[in-house]
């Protein structure tokens, strides 16, 4: 039987871009009996109905409607994101320099740029054509590289590597006579594209039970949340899984967590499962909980001084509850206790993360969604090392622990 860790690696390999991740998730949802809804249609919904809706290809919301109206029982939701730090292909991407063909890109999100050097890279994403159709695509048979400069030509690298994204982080595709990228993708007539770089090396196991893979942040949480939704028994409350695009660049888009996607869906669900009472939506929100699931920092053995010494999550130690006094995470006493109790019911240990007081803290969709919707939120995530590297590191043993905790939250 395939383990959840093995399944996570399969899921990541199938998801080199947010659009591929949504396609893989909806494929699995469809196999489990979930049907697609379109935002332009009028929804006819019934208790027990299992559906999903996609916005702009890179974000998806799936839900199982509870036996009670949303105004009476609320929802329990798990929120994740589909994007990861990478490079995005520019509109005018066909470049030639000193006899070489290059692909013009720009950084997307807060990446560790040096980890992308000297790797075989591919291009993946979507193409839109003159007739309005959109297709998923992945570069096959040709790889791009960001070659390092030899130390003989710049010995100052011993004192530190400085990479200018405009000059140094432009992938090489081959010699100047190589065909254009769109031709290599088989779509020279494409009029628009959302294409990103990804590592061609498959997700792998390393050490005793660790997973070395690209995009663990945050496809690991998408994978766990999807399993939780499929595994949880039906309930009086409505169970929701939302995976937003654009978290790594601030979530400010129509399909991002700062946009209206989740609110629009919840308003439609509330209206479709109750009467026309204008107070029903506010009642639903007041009765609801959101788990914002995004990967967490494990303590690094070579940089332990960069961690708060009383909060040192370990790989394999179970889900991490994330806290920040300045609301970079949305966890408070009520939501912390609620998640910890659900994890205990599932027999899952929890860890805690707090950023050092003299260091800035990252954030998640949690505070953004809590602000937009008004829903009580807890921020959690599995521990990992090398966050925002081209290849990150996590523990396979944490995968079933998070799935079990999230399943218990939805139940």
Protein backbone atom coordinates (compact mmCIF):
# COMPACT_ATOMS: atom_id res chain seq x y z
CA UNK A 1 0.00 0.00 0.00
CA UNK A 2 1.29 3.48 -0.90
CA UNK A 3 2.19 5.52 2.17
CA UNK A 4 1.05 9.11 2.55
CA UNK A 5 4.68 10.20 2.24
CA UNK A 6 5.00 8.38 -1.08
CA UNK A 7 1.68 9.86 -2.21
CA UNK A 8 2.91 13.34 -1.32
CA UNK A 9 5.94 12.85 -3.56
CA UNK A 10 3.67 11.70 -6.39
CA UNK A 11 1.43 14.74 -5.83
CA UNK A 12 4.37 17.15 -5.94
CA UNK A 13 5.80 15.60 -9.10
CA UNK A 14 2.40 16.07 -10.77
CA UNK A 15 2.24 19.73 -9.72
CA UNK A 16 5.08 21.82 -11.22
CA UNK A 17 2.85 24.92 -11.30
CA UNK A 18 -0.24 26.13 -9.39
CA UNK A 19 -2.36 25.24 -12.42
CA UNK A 20 -1.05 21.69 -12.46
CA UNK A 21 -1.62 21.45 -8.69
CA UNK A 22 -5.27 22.47 -9.10
CA UNK A 23 -5.65 20.02 -11.99
CA UNK A 24 -4.24 17.20 -9.84
CA UNK A 25 -6.43 18.09 -6.85
CA UNK A 26 -9.59 18.31 -8.92
CA UNK A 27 -8.74 15.02 -10.63
CA UNK A 28 -8.61 13.39 -7.22
CA UNK A 29 -11.78 15.18 -6.10
CA UNK A 30 -13.57 13.98 -9.22
CA UNK A 31 -12.52 10.38 -8.56
CA UNK A 32 -14.01 10.77 -5.06
CA UNK A 33 -17.37 11.92 -6.43
CA UNK A 34 -17.00 15.70 -6.19
CA UNK A 35 -18.50 17.61 -9.12
CA UNK A 36 -17.42 20.96 -10.53
CA UNK A 37 -19.47 24.12 -10.22
CA UNK A 38 -18.98 27.21 -12.37
CA UNK A 39 -19.18 30.67 -10.83
CA UNK A 40 -21.24 31.97 -13.77
CA UNK A 41 -24.01 29.41 -13.13
CA UNK A 42 -26.80 29.44 -10.58
CA UNK A 43 -25.98 26.80 -7.97
CA UNK A 44 -28.57 24.27 -6.84
CA UNK A 45 -27.16 22.67 -3.70
CA UNK A 46 -28.38 19.98 -1.34
CA UNK A 47 -27.17 18.71 2.06
CA UNK A 48 -24.43 16.17 1.54
CA UNK A 49 -23.49 17.63 -1.85
CA UNK A 50 -19.80 17.43 -2.76
CA UNK A 51 -18.54 20.06 -5.15
CA UNK A 52 -15.57 22.21 -6.11
CA UNK A 53 -15.13 25.50 -7.93
CA UNK A 54 -12.01 26.83 -9.66
CA UNK A 55 -11.12 30.49 -10.06
CA UNK A 56 -8.61 31.45 -12.76
CA UNK A 57 -7.02 28.04 -12.88
CA UNK A 58 -4.68 28.38 -9.89
CA UNK A 59 -7.14 28.49 -6.97
CA UNK A 60 -9.80 25.98 -5.94
CA UNK A 61 -12.42 25.63 -3.22
CA UNK A 62 -13.90 22.21 -2.49
CA UNK A 63 -16.67 21.51 0.00
CA UNK A 64 -19.05 18.92 1.43
CA UNK A 65 -22.34 20.54 2.44
CA UNK A 66 -23.41 19.67 5.98
CA UNK A 67 -26.79 18.37 7.06
CA UNK A 68 -27.63 21.67 8.76
CA UNK A 69 -27.87 25.13 7.19
CA UNK A 70 -24.62 27.07 7.36
CA UNK A 71 -26.28 29.74 9.52
CA UNK A 72 -27.05 27.09 12.15
CA UNK A 73 -23.86 24.98 12.10
CA UNK A 74 -21.19 27.12 10.44
CA UNK A 75 -18.23 25.72 8.55
CA UNK A 76 -14.86 24.25 9.34
CA UNK A 77 -12.36 25.21 6.66
CA UNK A 78 -8.74 24.41 5.89
CA UNK A 79 -6.88 27.09 3.95
CA UNK A 80 -3.66 26.53 1.99
CA UNK A 81 -1.91 27.98 -1.05
CA UNK A 82 -0.86 26.50 -4.39
CA UNK A 83 2.08 28.73 -5.33
CA UNK A 84 5.75 28.57 -4.37
CA UNK A 85 8.73 30.91 -4.95
CA UNK A 86 10.02 30.51 -8.48
CA UNK A 87 10.74 32.45 -11.68
CA UNK A 88 7.99 33.59 -14.03
CA UNK A 89 8.51 33.80 -17.80
CA UNK A 90 8.23 37.34 -19.16
CA UNK A 91 6.11 38.42 -22.17
CA UNK A 92 9.23 39.14 -24.26
CA UNK A 93 11.21 36.12 -23.18
CA UNK A 94 13.19 35.18 -26.30
CA UNK A 95 16.70 36.49 -25.59
CA UNK A 96 20.05 36.07 -27.31
CA UNK A 97 23.37 36.89 -25.65
CA UNK A 98 26.84 36.28 -27.12
CA UNK A 99 25.66 33.31 -29.16
CA UNK A 100 23.39 31.73 -26.55
CA UNK A 101 19.60 31.42 -26.36
CA UNK A 102 18.17 32.49 -23.00
CA UNK A 103 14.68 32.72 -21.53
CA UNK A 104 13.69 36.02 -19.92
CA UNK A 105 12.25 35.52 -16.43
CA UNK A 106 11.65 37.50 -13.27
CA UNK A 107 11.64 36.29 -9.65
CA UNK A 108 8.30 35.35 -8.10
CA UNK A 109 8.19 35.44 -4.30
CA UNK A 110 10.96 35.40 -1.72
CA UNK A 111 13.21 32.65 -3.02
CA UNK A 112 16.66 31.45 -2.05
CA UNK A 113 18.00 32.28 -5.51
CA UNK A 114 21.36 30.53 -5.19
CA UNK A 115 19.64 27.16 -4.72
CA UNK A 116 18.35 27.34 -8.30
CA UNK A 117 21.86 27.45 -9.77
CA UNK A 118 23.29 24.50 -11.71
CA UNK A 119 20.06 22.49 -11.75
CA UNK A 120 18.08 21.05 -14.62
CA UNK A 121 14.97 23.22 -14.86
CA UNK A 122 11.80 22.99 -16.88
CA UNK A 123 9.00 25.39 -17.73
CA UNK A 124 5.42 24.62 -16.70
CA UNK A 125 2.12 26.46 -16.51
CA UNK A 126 -0.63 27.47 -18.90
CA UNK A 127 -0.97 28.91 -22.37
CA UNK A 128 -3.95 30.82 -23.75
CA UNK A 129 -4.71 30.77 -27.47
CA UNK A 130 -6.49 33.05 -29.93
CA UNK A 131 -9.77 31.13 -29.61
CA UNK A 132 -9.77 31.68 -25.84
CA UNK A 133 -8.85 28.13 -24.90
CA UNK A 134 -6.30 27.54 -22.17
CA UNK A 135 -4.06 24.48 -21.96
CA UNK A 136 -1.65 23.16 -19.37
CA UNK A 137 1.89 22.69 -20.60
CA UNK A 138 5.28 21.44 -19.48
CA UNK A 139 8.60 21.58 -21.32
CA UNK A 140 9.68 18.02 -22.08
CA UNK A 141 12.98 16.85 -23.53
CA UNK A 142 14.74 20.20 -23.12
CA UNK A 143 16.06 21.63 -19.87
CA UNK A 144 17.14 25.11 -18.86
CA UNK A 145 19.99 25.94 -16.51
CA UNK A 146 21.25 28.85 -14.44
CA UNK A 147 25.00 28.12 -14.67
CA UNK A 148 27.27 29.49 -11.96
CA UNK A 149 30.30 31.59 -12.82
CA UNK A 150 33.55 29.69 -12.34
CA UNK A 151 35.48 30.70 -9.24
CA UNK A 152 38.51 31.42 -11.45
CA UNK A 153 36.59 34.35 -12.94
CA UNK A 154 35.34 35.78 -9.63
CA UNK A 155 37.30 34.79 -6.55
CA UNK A 156 35.35 37.29 -4.44
CA UNK A 157 32.58 34.68 -4.27
CA UNK A 158 34.47 33.23 -1.30
CA UNK A 159 33.38 36.30 0.67
CA UNK A 160 29.76 35.96 -0.39
CA UNK A 161 27.65 35.40 -3.48
CA UNK A 162 25.67 38.34 -4.85
CA UNK A 163 23.18 37.58 -7.61
CA UNK A 164 21.56 40.32 -9.66
CA UNK A 165 18.24 38.85 -10.92
CA UNK A 166 18.31 41.01 -14.05
CA UNK A 167 21.82 39.97 -15.12
CA UNK A 168 22.66 36.68 -13.43
CA UNK A 169 19.37 34.81 -13.06
CA UNK A 170 18.46 34.36 -16.71
CA UNK A 171 18.26 30.67 -17.66
CA UNK A 172 20.21 29.37 -20.63
CA UNK A 173 18.27 27.25 -23.12
CA UNK A 174 21.05 26.43 -25.59
CA UNK A 175 22.82 28.05 -28.52
CA UNK A 176 21.29 31.01 -30.35
CA UNK A 177 19.80 28.88 -33.13
CA UNK A 178 17.57 26.97 -30.68
CA UNK A 179 13.83 27.42 -31.38
CA UNK A 180 11.75 29.88 -29.37
CA UNK A 181 10.33 28.61 -26.06
CA UNK A 182 6.75 28.64 -27.35
CA UNK A 183 7.83 26.59 -30.35
CA UNK A 184 9.48 24.09 -28.02
CA UNK A 185 6.20 23.91 -26.11
CA UNK A 186 4.36 23.20 -29.36
CA UNK A 187 2.28 26.39 -29.14
CA UNK A 188 3.92 29.14 -31.22
CA UNK A 189 0.49 30.79 -31.67
CA UNK A 190 -0.16 31.27 -27.93
CA UNK A 191 -1.16 34.85 -27.09
CA UNK A 192 -0.77 34.72 -23.31
CA UNK A 193 1.00 32.58 -20.75
CA UNK A 194 1.57 32.03 -17.07
CA UNK A 195 4.74 29.95 -17.10
CA UNK A 196 7.12 29.25 -14.22
CA UNK A 197 10.38 27.40 -13.74
CA UNK A 198 10.50 24.16 -11.78
CA UNK A 199 13.12 21.59 -10.88
CA UNK A 200 12.97 18.49 -13.09
CA UNK A 201 14.43 16.22 -10.40
CA UNK A 202 11.61 14.16 -8.86
CA UNK A 203 10.76 14.38 -5.19
CA UNK A 204 12.97 11.91 -3.32
CA UNK A 205 13.46 10.21 0.01
CA UNK A 206 16.59 10.83 2.03
CA UNK A 207 17.84 9.80 5.44
CA UNK A 208 15.55 7.61 7.51
CA UNK A 209 12.18 9.03 6.45
CA UNK A 210 12.77 12.51 5.07
CA UNK A 211 11.41 13.96 1.85
CA UNK A 212 13.59 16.18 -0.33
CA UNK A 213 11.42 17.95 -2.88
CA UNK A 214 10.56 21.24 -4.52
CA UNK A 215 7.41 23.11 -3.50
CA UNK A 216 6.88 21.39 -0.15
CA UNK A 217 5.88 24.90 0.89
CA UNK A 218 2.99 24.66 0.40
CA UNK A 219 1.94 21.65 -1.66
CA UNK A 220 2.46 19.50 1.42
CA UNK A 221 -0.39 21.36 3.15
CA UNK A 222 -2.59 21.17 0.02
CA UNK A 223 -2.02 17.42 -0.04
CA UNK A 224 -2.84 17.00 3.67
CA UNK A 225 -5.95 19.18 3.48
CA UNK A 226 -7.23 17.33 0.43
CA UNK A 227 -6.80 13.97 2.17
CA UNK A 228 -8.56 15.34 5.26
CA UNK A 229 -11.57 16.49 3.25
CA UNK A 230 -11.81 13.12 1.49
CA UNK A 231 -11.32 11.14 4.74
CA UNK A 232 -13.58 13.13 7.11
CA UNK A 233 -17.06 11.75 7.78
CA UNK A 234 -20.07 13.86 6.87
CA UNK A 235 -21.15 16.29 9.58
CA UNK A 236 -23.83 18.84 10.45
CA UNK A 237 -21.41 21.65 9.60
CA UNK A 238 -20.11 22.25 6.08
CA UNK A 239 -16.52 21.16 5.42
CA UNK A 240 -14.43 23.42 3.18
CA UNK A 241 -10.98 23.21 1.62
CA UNK A 242 -9.58 26.36 -0.02
CA UNK A 243 -6.29 26.52 -1.90
CA UNK A 244 -5.40 30.06 -2.97
CA UNK A 245 -2.84 31.16 -5.53
CA UNK A 246 -0.50 34.16 -5.07
CA UNK A 247 0.24 33.79 -1.35
CA UNK A 248 3.97 34.10 -1.95
CA UNK A 249 3.52 37.57 -3.46
CA UNK A 250 1.02 38.98 -0.95
CA UNK A 251 -2.30 37.38 -1.98
CA UNK A 252 -3.59 40.58 -3.60
CA UNK A 253 -5.54 39.11 -6.50
CA UNK A 254 -9.08 38.06 -7.31
CA UNK A 255 -8.18 34.45 -6.53
CA UNK A 256 -5.77 35.20 -3.67
CA UNK A 257 -6.64 35.12 0.01
CA UNK A 258 -7.04 38.91 0.05
CA UNK A 259 -9.54 38.64 -2.81
CA UNK A 260 -13.21 37.73 -2.75
CA UNK A 261 -13.07 34.06 -3.76
CA UNK A 262 -13.76 32.42 -0.40
CA UNK A 263 -16.26 35.06 0.68
CA UNK A 264 -18.15 34.74 -2.61
CA UNK A 265 -18.40 30.96 -2.24
CA UNK A 266 -19.44 31.11 1.41
CA UNK A 267 -22.16 33.69 0.70
CA UNK A 268 -23.55 31.47 -2.04
CA UNK A 269 -23.43 28.38 0.19
CA UNK A 270 -25.16 30.22 3.02
CA UNK A 271 -27.90 31.49 0.74
CA UNK A 272 -28.36 28.13 -0.98
CA UNK A 273 -28.72 26.17 2.28
CA UNK A 274 -30.99 28.57 4.17
CA UNK A 275 -33.55 31.26 3.68
CA UNK A 276 -33.15 34.85 2.58
CA UNK A 277 -32.37 36.11 6.09
CA UNK A 278 -29.72 38.85 5.65
CA UNK A 279 -28.22 37.87 9.03
CA UNK A 280 -27.55 34.28 8.00
CA UNK A 281 -24.05 34.94 6.63
CA UNK A 282 -22.89 36.70 9.81
CA UNK A 283 -24.32 33.85 11.88
CA UNK A 284 -22.37 31.36 9.76
CA UNK A 285 -19.11 33.25 10.24
CA UNK A 286 -19.60 33.45 14.00
CA UNK A 287 -20.03 29.68 14.20
CA UNK A 288 -17.04 28.81 12.01
CA UNK A 289 -13.36 27.93 12.29
CA UNK A 290 -10.48 28.11 9.80
CA UNK A 291 -7.21 26.18 9.95
CA UNK A 292 -4.60 28.05 7.95
CA UNK A 293 -2.17 25.28 6.98
CA UNK A 294 1.22 26.48 5.76
CA UNK A 295 4.61 24.92 6.37
CA UNK A 296 6.54 25.88 9.52
CA UNK A 297 10.22 26.38 10.32
CA UNK A 298 11.95 23.46 12.03
CA UNK A 299 14.99 24.35 14.09
CA UNK A 300 18.12 24.24 11.94
CA UNK A 301 21.02 22.37 13.55
CA UNK A 302 23.63 24.65 11.95
CA UNK A 303 21.78 27.91 12.71
CA UNK A 304 20.13 27.21 16.04
CA UNK A 305 20.88 30.78 17.13
CA UNK A 306 18.36 32.04 14.54
CA UNK A 307 15.51 30.37 16.44
CA UNK A 308 13.68 31.32 19.61
CA UNK A 309 15.31 28.94 22.12
CA UNK A 310 12.09 27.94 23.91
CA UNK A 311 10.30 27.10 20.65
CA UNK A 312 12.29 24.60 18.58
CA UNK A 313 10.11 22.38 16.34
CA UNK A 314 11.78 19.24 15.02
CA UNK A 315 11.21 17.27 11.84
CA UNK A 316 8.98 14.32 12.72
CA UNK A 317 7.59 15.99 15.83
CA UNK A 318 4.12 16.64 14.48
CA UNK A 319 2.14 19.73 13.45
CA UNK A 320 3.39 23.12 14.58
CA UNK A 321 1.03 25.77 15.95
CA UNK A 322 2.38 29.17 14.88
CA UNK A 323 2.14 32.27 17.08
CA UNK A 324 3.01 35.94 16.63
CA UNK A 325 2.16 38.81 18.97
CA UNK A 326 1.85 41.22 16.04
CA UNK A 327 -0.74 39.10 14.21
CA UNK A 328 1.52 37.85 11.43
CA UNK A 329 -0.16 34.58 12.38
CA UNK A 330 -3.85 34.55 13.32
CA UNK A 331 -3.62 32.07 16.22
CA UNK A 332 -5.18 33.17 19.51
CA UNK A 333 -5.91 31.37 22.78
CA UNK A 334 -9.30 30.04 21.61
CA UNK A 335 -8.16 28.73 18.25
CA UNK A 336 -4.92 27.33 19.67
CA UNK A 337 -6.85 25.35 22.27
CA UNK A 338 -9.40 24.18 19.68
CA UNK A 339 -6.73 22.83 17.33
CA UNK A 340 -4.68 21.29 20.15
CA UNK A 341 -7.80 19.49 21.41
CA UNK A 342 -8.61 18.15 17.93
CA UNK A 343 -5.01 16.97 17.52
CA UNK A 344 -5.17 15.26 20.93
CA UNK A 345 -8.39 13.52 19.89
CA UNK A 346 -6.48 12.19 16.88
CA UNK A 347 -3.52 11.11 19.03
CA UNK A 348 -1.27 13.66 17.32
CA UNK A 349 1.39 15.65 19.22
CA UNK A 350 1.76 19.37 18.54
CA UNK A 351 4.75 21.71 18.59
CA UNK A 352 4.91 25.50 18.79
CA UNK A 353 6.77 28.13 16.77
CA UNK A 354 7.48 31.74 17.69
CA UNK A 355 9.93 33.94 15.79
CA UNK A 356 12.77 35.47 17.78
CA UNK A 357 11.74 38.88 19.13
CA UNK A 358 14.55 40.61 17.25
CA UNK A 359 13.70 39.08 13.85
CA UNK A 360 10.80 39.82 11.47
CA UNK A 361 8.12 37.20 11.07
CA UNK A 362 6.65 35.82 7.85
CA UNK A 363 2.92 35.46 7.39
CA UNK A 364 0.28 33.24 5.76
CA UNK A 365 -3.21 33.39 4.35
CA UNK A 366 -4.45 33.08 7.95
CA UNK A 367 -4.46 36.76 9.00
CA UNK A 368 -5.63 37.83 5.52
CA UNK A 369 -8.57 35.42 5.52
CA UNK A 370 -9.45 36.19 9.12
CA UNK A 371 -9.49 39.91 8.28
CA UNK A 372 -11.47 39.47 5.07
CA UNK A 373 -14.06 36.99 6.43
CA UNK A 374 -14.02 37.61 10.19
CA UNK A 375 -13.54 33.90 10.89
CA UNK A 376 -11.71 32.54 13.95
CA UNK A 377 -8.39 31.20 12.64
CA UNK A 378 -5.44 29.13 13.79
CA UNK A 379 -2.14 28.99 11.90
CA UNK A 380 -0.42 25.60 11.74
CA UNK A 381 2.05 23.76 9.53
CA UNK A 382 4.36 20.81 9.36
CA UNK A 383 8.01 21.53 10.23
CA UNK A 384 10.56 21.79 7.44
CA UNK A 385 14.09 22.92 6.63
CA UNK A 386 15.33 25.00 3.68
CA UNK A 387 12.03 26.83 3.24
CA UNK A 388 11.91 28.70 -0.11
CA UNK A 389 14.84 26.72 -1.47
CA UNK A 390 14.54 25.13 -4.89
CA UNK A 391 14.54 21.85 -2.94
CA UNK A 392 13.18 21.73 0.59
CA UNK A 393 13.29 19.10 3.33
CA UNK A 394 10.54 17.62 5.51
CA UNK A 395 9.74 14.40 7.34
CA UNK A 396 7.50 11.74 5.83
CA UNK A 397 6.34 10.79 9.31
CA UNK A 398 4.77 14.25 9.73
CA UNK A 399 2.51 13.74 6.71
CA UNK A 400 0.01 11.28 8.31
CA UNK A 401 0.12 13.25 11.56
CA UNK A 402 -1.09 16.42 9.83
CA UNK A 403 -3.68 14.49 7.82
CA UNK A 404 -5.06 12.95 11.01
CA UNK A 405 -5.18 16.29 12.85
CA UNK A 406 -6.90 18.06 9.96
CA UNK A 407 -9.35 15.20 9.50
CA UNK A 408 -10.32 15.48 13.15
CA UNK A 409 -10.77 19.25 12.74
CA UNK A 410 -13.20 18.72 9.87
CA UNK A 411 -15.10 15.89 11.56
